[in-house]
């Protein structure tokens, strides 16, 4: 149920932010607040604090949002979530909003895992190749995993391109098991 609730809120925030022309800013602001929410048990407990009125709860959330540099739509969204005791959907809402914003802004996110650290030049060339293949602007994150042995694994959305030695060895082992 919380996924459906998060989707409704994300859609509403997306439409309003798009209409106001500040989709990227609102997404960034809500992401920052969601990260603070996930990192703070006190923030998470705000919904469950006995004796705290809805007005107090929304005032606390508004203060947090404003302190984080949130604009009017961000503050209103968080106040509404607090009033309706739905702050717990904030992380899912932000994830969905990010996906909607990326799609609307023509952005795709790629996560590249390599066996060895990649040079800046290689990273730039890889990013260009992904942009050419997808026809979209690419935001890349990179990490190193020595268990790959050699090569890279690239995840773009729900697609995974495994060019690692470990992946090739696993595929070979699987084909030998089936033979």
C-alpha atoms as a PDB file:
ATOM      1  CA  UNK A   1       0.000   0.000   0.000  1.00  0.00           C
ATOM      2  CA  UNK A   2       2.792   2.472   0.837  1.00  0.00           C
ATOM      3  CA  UNK A   3       4.178   2.102  -2.707  1.00  0.00           C
ATOM      4  CA  UNK A   4       0.818   3.146  -4.152  1.00  0.00           C
ATOM      5  CA  UNK A   5       0.630   6.077  -1.727  1.00  0.00           C
ATOM      6  CA  UNK A   6       4.193   7.136  -2.573  1.00  0.00           C
ATOM      7  CA  UNK A   7       3.380   6.929  -6.284  1.00  0.00           C
ATOM      8  CA  UNK A   8       0.342   9.227  -5.887  1.00  0.00           C
ATOM      9  CA  UNK A   9       2.327  11.821  -3.961  1.00  0.00           C
ATOM     10  CA  UNK A  10       5.274  11.558  -6.368  1.00  0.00           C
ATOM     11  CA  UNK A  11       2.985  12.068  -9.367  1.00  0.00           C
ATOM     12  CA  UNK A  12       1.364  15.122  -7.735  1.00  0.00           C
ATOM     13  CA  UNK A  13       4.718  16.687  -6.794  1.00  0.00           C
ATOM     14  CA  UNK A  14       6.069  15.916 -10.271  1.00  0.00           C
ATOM     15  CA  UNK A  15       3.147  17.630 -11.997  1.00  0.00           C
ATOM     16  CA  UNK A  16       3.291  20.702  -9.743  1.00  0.00           C
ATOM     17  CA  UNK A  17       7.067  21.068  -9.996  1.00  0.00           C
ATOM     18  CA  UNK A  18       6.959  20.632 -13.762  1.00  0.00           C
ATOM     19  CA  UNK A  19       4.206  23.245 -13.992  1.00  0.00           C
ATOM     20  CA  UNK A  20       6.240  25.658 -11.841  1.00  0.00           C
ATOM     21  CA  UNK A  21       9.389  24.953 -13.861  1.00  0.00           C
ATOM     22  CA  UNK A  22      11.489  23.836 -10.912  1.00  0.00           C
ATOM     23  CA  UNK A  23      11.430  20.050 -11.216  1.00  0.00           C
ATOM     24  CA  UNK A  24      15.176  19.549 -10.795  1.00  0.00           C
ATOM     25  CA  UNK A  25      15.332  21.831  -7.740  1.00  0.00           C
ATOM     26  CA  UNK A  26      12.352  20.238  -5.978  1.00  0.00           C
ATOM     27  CA  UNK A  27      13.728  16.761  -6.657  1.00  0.00           C
ATOM     28  CA  UNK A  28      17.100  17.765  -5.218  1.00  0.00           C
ATOM     29  CA  UNK A  29      15.535  19.396  -2.142  1.00  0.00           C
ATOM     30  CA  UNK A  30      13.252  16.460  -1.371  1.00  0.00           C
ATOM     31  CA  UNK A  31      16.153  14.045  -1.882  1.00  0.00           C
ATOM     32  CA  UNK A  32      18.184  15.930   0.732  1.00  0.00           C
ATOM     33  CA  UNK A  33      15.301  15.838   3.222  1.00  0.00           C
ATOM     34  CA  UNK A  34      14.667  12.133   2.514  1.00  0.00           C
ATOM     35  CA  UNK A  35      18.335  11.380   3.214  1.00  0.00           C
ATOM     36  CA  UNK A  36      18.058  13.265   6.509  1.00  0.00           C
ATOM     37  CA  UNK A  37      14.863  11.333   7.287  1.00  0.00           C
ATOM     38  CA  UNK A  38      16.543   7.982   6.661  1.00  0.00           C
ATOM     39  CA  UNK A  39      19.585   8.962   8.745  1.00  0.00           C
ATOM     40  CA  UNK A  40      17.644  10.237  11.770  1.00  0.00           C
ATOM     41  CA  UNK A  41      15.579   8.005  14.022  1.00  0.00           C
ATOM     42  CA  UNK A  42      14.234  11.150  15.707  1.00  0.00           C
ATOM     43  CA  UNK A  43      12.927  12.422  12.369  1.00  0.00           C
ATOM     44  CA  UNK A  44      11.362   9.016  11.660  1.00  0.00           C
ATOM     45  CA  UNK A  45       9.741   8.937  15.098  1.00  0.00           C
ATOM     46  CA  UNK A  46       8.116  12.326  14.503  1.00  0.00           C
ATOM     47  CA  UNK A  47       4.943  10.671  13.178  1.00  0.00           C
ATOM     48  CA  UNK A  48       4.628   8.449  16.209  1.00  0.00           C
ATOM     49  CA  UNK A  49       5.403  10.981  18.935  1.00  0.00           C
ATOM     50  CA  UNK A  50       2.445  10.987  21.337  1.00  0.00           C
ATOM     51  CA  UNK A  51       1.101  14.348  22.405  1.00  0.00           C
ATOM     52  CA  UNK A  52       2.449  16.112  19.340  1.00  0.00           C
ATOM     53  CA  UNK A  53      -0.340  17.917  17.534  1.00  0.00           C
ATOM     54  CA  UNK A  54      -0.617  18.003  13.759  1.00  0.00           C
ATOM     55  CA  UNK A  55       0.212  21.711  13.875  1.00  0.00           C
ATOM     56  CA  UNK A  56       3.380  21.062  15.897  1.00  0.00           C
ATOM     57  CA  UNK A  57       4.368  18.200  13.614  1.00  0.00           C
ATOM     58  CA  UNK A  58       3.921  20.281  10.454  1.00  0.00           C
ATOM     59  CA  UNK A  59       5.790  23.213  12.032  1.00  0.00           C
ATOM     60  CA  UNK A  60       8.757  20.972  12.869  1.00  0.00           C
ATOM     61  CA  UNK A  61       8.800  19.507   9.358  1.00  0.00           C
ATOM     62  CA  UNK A  62       8.513  22.968   7.782  1.00  0.00           C
ATOM     63  CA  UNK A  63      11.455  24.173   9.880  1.00  0.00           C
ATOM     64  CA  UNK A  64      13.531  21.163   8.798  1.00  0.00           C
ATOM     65  CA  UNK A  65      12.657  21.770   5.140  1.00  0.00           C
ATOM     66  CA  UNK A  66      13.445  25.478   5.322  1.00  0.00           C
ATOM     67  CA  UNK A  67      16.716  24.825   7.134  1.00  0.00           C
ATOM     68  CA  UNK A  68      17.645  22.428   4.315  1.00  0.00           C
ATOM     69  CA  UNK A  69      16.991  25.239   1.832  1.00  0.00           C
ATOM     70  CA  UNK A  70      13.681  23.887   0.605  1.00  0.00           C
ATOM     71  CA  UNK A  71      11.451  26.013  -1.566  1.00  0.00           C
ATOM     72  CA  UNK A  72       7.726  26.528  -1.193  1.00  0.00           C
ATOM     73  CA  UNK A  73       6.652  23.318  -2.964  1.00  0.00           C
ATOM     74  CA  UNK A  74       9.102  21.236  -0.940  1.00  0.00           C
ATOM     75  CA  UNK A  75       7.861  22.745   2.324  1.00  0.00           C
ATOM     76  CA  UNK A  76       4.196  22.291   1.348  1.00  0.00           C
ATOM     77  CA  UNK A  77       4.820  18.674   0.341  1.00  0.00           C
ATOM     78  CA  UNK A  78       6.506  17.840   3.619  1.00  0.00           C
ATOM     79  CA  UNK A  79       3.816  19.624   5.623  1.00  0.00           C
ATOM     80  CA  UNK A  80       1.129  17.627   3.833  1.00  0.00           C
ATOM     81  CA  UNK A  81       2.979  14.358   4.469  1.00  0.00           C
ATOM     82  CA  UNK A  82       3.332  15.286   8.148  1.00  0.00           C
ATOM     83  CA  UNK A  83      -0.341  16.293   8.482  1.00  0.00           C
ATOM     84  CA  UNK A  84      -1.463  13.005   6.994  1.00  0.00           C
ATOM     85  CA  UNK A  85       1.151  11.033   8.938  1.00  0.00           C
ATOM     86  CA  UNK A  86       2.761   9.819   5.713  1.00  0.00           C
ATOM     87  CA  UNK A  87       6.380  10.875   6.268  1.00  0.00           C
ATOM     88  CA  UNK A  88       7.375   7.216   6.077  1.00  0.00           C
ATOM     89  CA  UNK A  89       6.661   7.226   2.315  1.00  0.00           C
ATOM     90  CA  UNK A  90       9.192  10.022   1.753  1.00  0.00           C
ATOM     91  CA  UNK A  91      12.107   7.775   0.642  1.00  0.00           C
ATOM     92  CA  UNK A  92       9.894   5.912  -1.869  1.00  0.00           C
ATOM     93  CA  UNK A  93       8.306   9.167  -3.026  1.00  0.00           C
ATOM     94  CA  UNK A  94      11.754  10.643  -3.712  1.00  0.00           C
ATOM     95  CA  UNK A  95      12.911   7.557  -5.606  1.00  0.00           C
ATOM     96  CA  UNK A  96       9.819   7.626  -7.833  1.00  0.00           C
ATOM     97  CA  UNK A  97      10.037  11.394  -8.284  1.00  0.00           C
ATOM     98  CA  UNK A  98      13.673  11.032  -9.318  1.00  0.00           C
ATOM     99  CA  UNK A  99      12.742   8.463 -11.955  1.00  0.00           C
ATOM    100  CA  UNK A 100       9.939  10.677 -13.289  1.00  0.00           C
ATOM    101  CA  UNK A 101      12.199  13.741 -13.311  1.00  0.00           C
ATOM    102  CA  UNK A 102      15.006  11.888 -15.073  1.00  0.00           C
ATOM    103  CA  UNK A 103      12.595  10.704 -17.743  1.00  0.00           C
ATOM    104  CA  UNK A 104      11.118  14.182 -18.235  1.00  0.00           C
ATOM    105  CA  UNK A 105      14.547  15.820 -18.352  1.00  0.00           C
ATOM    106  CA  UNK A 106      15.938  13.221 -20.772  1.00  0.00           C
ATOM    107  CA  UNK A 107      18.421  11.839 -18.271  1.00  0.00           C
ATOM    108  CA  UNK A 108      19.427   8.235 -17.690  1.00  0.00           C
ATOM    109  CA  UNK A 109      21.458   7.009 -14.722  1.00  0.00           C
ATOM    110  CA  UNK A 110      24.230   4.495 -15.184  1.00  0.00           C
ATOM    111  CA  UNK A 111      26.170   2.653 -12.513  1.00  0.00           C
ATOM    112  CA  UNK A 112      29.526   1.272 -13.585  1.00  0.00           C
ATOM    113  CA  UNK A 113      31.418  -1.278 -11.514  1.00  0.00           C
ATOM    114  CA  UNK A 114      34.979  -2.091 -12.526  1.00  0.00           C
ATOM    115  CA  UNK A 115      37.644  -4.466 -11.276  1.00  0.00           C
ATOM    116  CA  UNK A 116      40.209  -1.648 -11.232  1.00  0.00           C
ATOM    117  CA  UNK A 117      39.788   2.117 -10.820  1.00  0.00           C
ATOM    118  CA  UNK A 118      39.023   3.738 -14.187  1.00  0.00           C
ATOM    119  CA  UNK A 119      40.944   6.743 -15.476  1.00  0.00           C
ATOM    120  CA  UNK A 120      39.081  10.007 -15.998  1.00  0.00           C
ATOM    121  CA  UNK A 121      39.576   9.686 -19.746  1.00  0.00           C
ATOM    122  CA  UNK A 122      38.106   6.188 -19.823  1.00  0.00           C
ATOM    123  CA  UNK A 123      35.164   7.327 -17.694  1.00  0.00           C
ATOM    124  CA  UNK A 124      34.462  10.192 -20.101  1.00  0.00           C
ATOM    125  CA  UNK A 125      34.642   7.892 -23.166  1.00  0.00           C
ATOM    126  CA  UNK A 126      32.367   5.340 -21.507  1.00  0.00           C
ATOM    127  CA  UNK A 127      29.868   8.060 -20.605  1.00  0.00           C
ATOM    128  CA  UNK A 128      29.899   9.307 -24.221  1.00  0.00           C
ATOM    129  CA  UNK A 129      29.254   5.782 -25.521  1.00  0.00           C
ATOM    130  CA  UNK A 130      26.308   5.342 -23.150  1.00  0.00           C
ATOM    131  CA  UNK A 131      24.914   8.737 -24.190  1.00  0.00           C
ATOM    132  CA  UNK A 132      25.238   7.770 -27.848  1.00  0.00           C
ATOM    133  CA  UNK A 133      23.553   4.389 -27.255  1.00  0.00           C
ATOM    134  CA  UNK A 134      20.662   5.807 -25.207  1.00  0.00           C
ATOM    135  CA  UNK A 135      20.274   9.173 -26.895  1.00  0.00           C
ATOM    136  CA  UNK A 136      20.007  10.756 -23.442  1.00  0.00           C
ATOM    137  CA  UNK A 137      22.201  12.683 -21.052  1.00  0.00           C
ATOM    138  CA  UNK A 138      23.910  10.232 -18.691  1.00  0.00           C
ATOM    139  CA  UNK A 139      24.684  10.619 -14.998  1.00  0.00           C
ATOM    140  CA  UNK A 140      27.288   7.997 -14.108  1.00  0.00           C
ATOM    141  CA  UNK A 141      28.363   6.647 -10.766  1.00  0.00           C
ATOM    142  CA  UNK A 142      31.466   4.497 -10.530  1.00  0.00           C
ATOM    143  CA  UNK A 143      32.663   1.921  -8.042  1.00  0.00           C
ATOM    144  CA  UNK A 144      35.435  -0.657  -7.850  1.00  0.00           C
ATOM    145  CA  UNK A 145      34.881  -4.352  -7.067  1.00  0.00           C
ATOM    146  CA  UNK A 146      38.005  -6.511  -7.246  1.00  0.00           C
ATOM    147  CA  UNK A 147      35.915  -9.707  -7.310  1.00  0.00           C
ATOM    148  CA  UNK A 148      35.085  -8.949 -10.959  1.00  0.00           C
ATOM    149  CA  UNK A 149      38.700  -9.982 -11.726  1.00  0.00           C
ATOM    150  CA  UNK A 150      38.784  -7.770 -14.853  1.00  0.00           C
ATOM    151  CA  UNK A 151      36.358  -5.809 -17.020  1.00  0.00           C
ATOM    152  CA  UNK A 152      33.286  -3.769 -16.119  1.00  0.00           C
ATOM    153  CA  UNK A 153      29.607  -4.225 -15.332  1.00  0.00           C
ATOM    154  CA  UNK A 154      27.322  -1.397 -16.433  1.00  0.00           C
ATOM    155  CA  UNK A 155      23.788  -1.003 -15.105  1.00  0.00           C
ATOM    156  CA  UNK A 156      21.522   1.413 -16.954  1.00  0.00           C
ATOM    157  CA  UNK A 157      18.033   1.478 -15.484  1.00  0.00           C
ATOM    158  CA  UNK A 158      16.994  -2.172 -15.270  1.00  0.00           C
ATOM    159  CA  UNK A 159      19.472  -3.312 -17.963  1.00  0.00           C
ATOM    160  CA  UNK A 160      22.788  -4.866 -16.981  1.00  0.00           C
ATOM    161  CA  UNK A 161      25.692  -5.304 -19.380  1.00  0.00           C
ATOM    162  CA  UNK A 162      28.214  -7.649 -17.776  1.00  0.00           C
ATOM    163  CA  UNK A 163      31.606  -7.436 -19.440  1.00  0.00           C
ATOM    164  CA  UNK A 164      33.519  -8.788 -16.470  1.00  0.00           C
ATOM    165  CA  UNK A 165      35.698 -11.888 -16.351  1.00  0.00           C
ATOM    166  CA  UNK A 166      33.689 -13.095 -13.368  1.00  0.00           C
ATOM    167  CA  UNK A 167      30.482 -12.786 -15.417  1.00  0.00           C
ATOM    168  CA  UNK A 168      32.020 -14.693 -18.327  1.00  0.00           C
ATOM    169  CA  UNK A 169      33.260 -17.454 -16.002  1.00  0.00           C
ATOM    170  CA  UNK A 170      29.833 -17.726 -14.355  1.00  0.00           C
ATOM    171  CA  UNK A 171      28.162 -17.974 -17.781  1.00  0.00           C
ATOM    172  CA  UNK A 172      30.645 -20.663 -18.859  1.00  0.00           C
ATOM    173  CA  UNK A 173      30.079 -22.644 -15.654  1.00  0.00           C
ATOM    174  CA  UNK A 174      26.308 -22.430 -16.148  1.00  0.00           C
ATOM    175  CA  UNK A 175      26.526 -23.640 -19.750  1.00  0.00           C
ATOM    176  CA  UNK A 176      28.738 -26.555 -18.671  1.00  0.00           C
ATOM    177  CA  UNK A 177      26.208 -27.514 -15.970  1.00  0.00           C
ATOM    178  CA  UNK A 178      23.417 -27.582 -18.537  1.00  0.00           C
ATOM    179  CA  UNK A 179      25.418 -29.635 -21.058  1.00  0.00           C
END
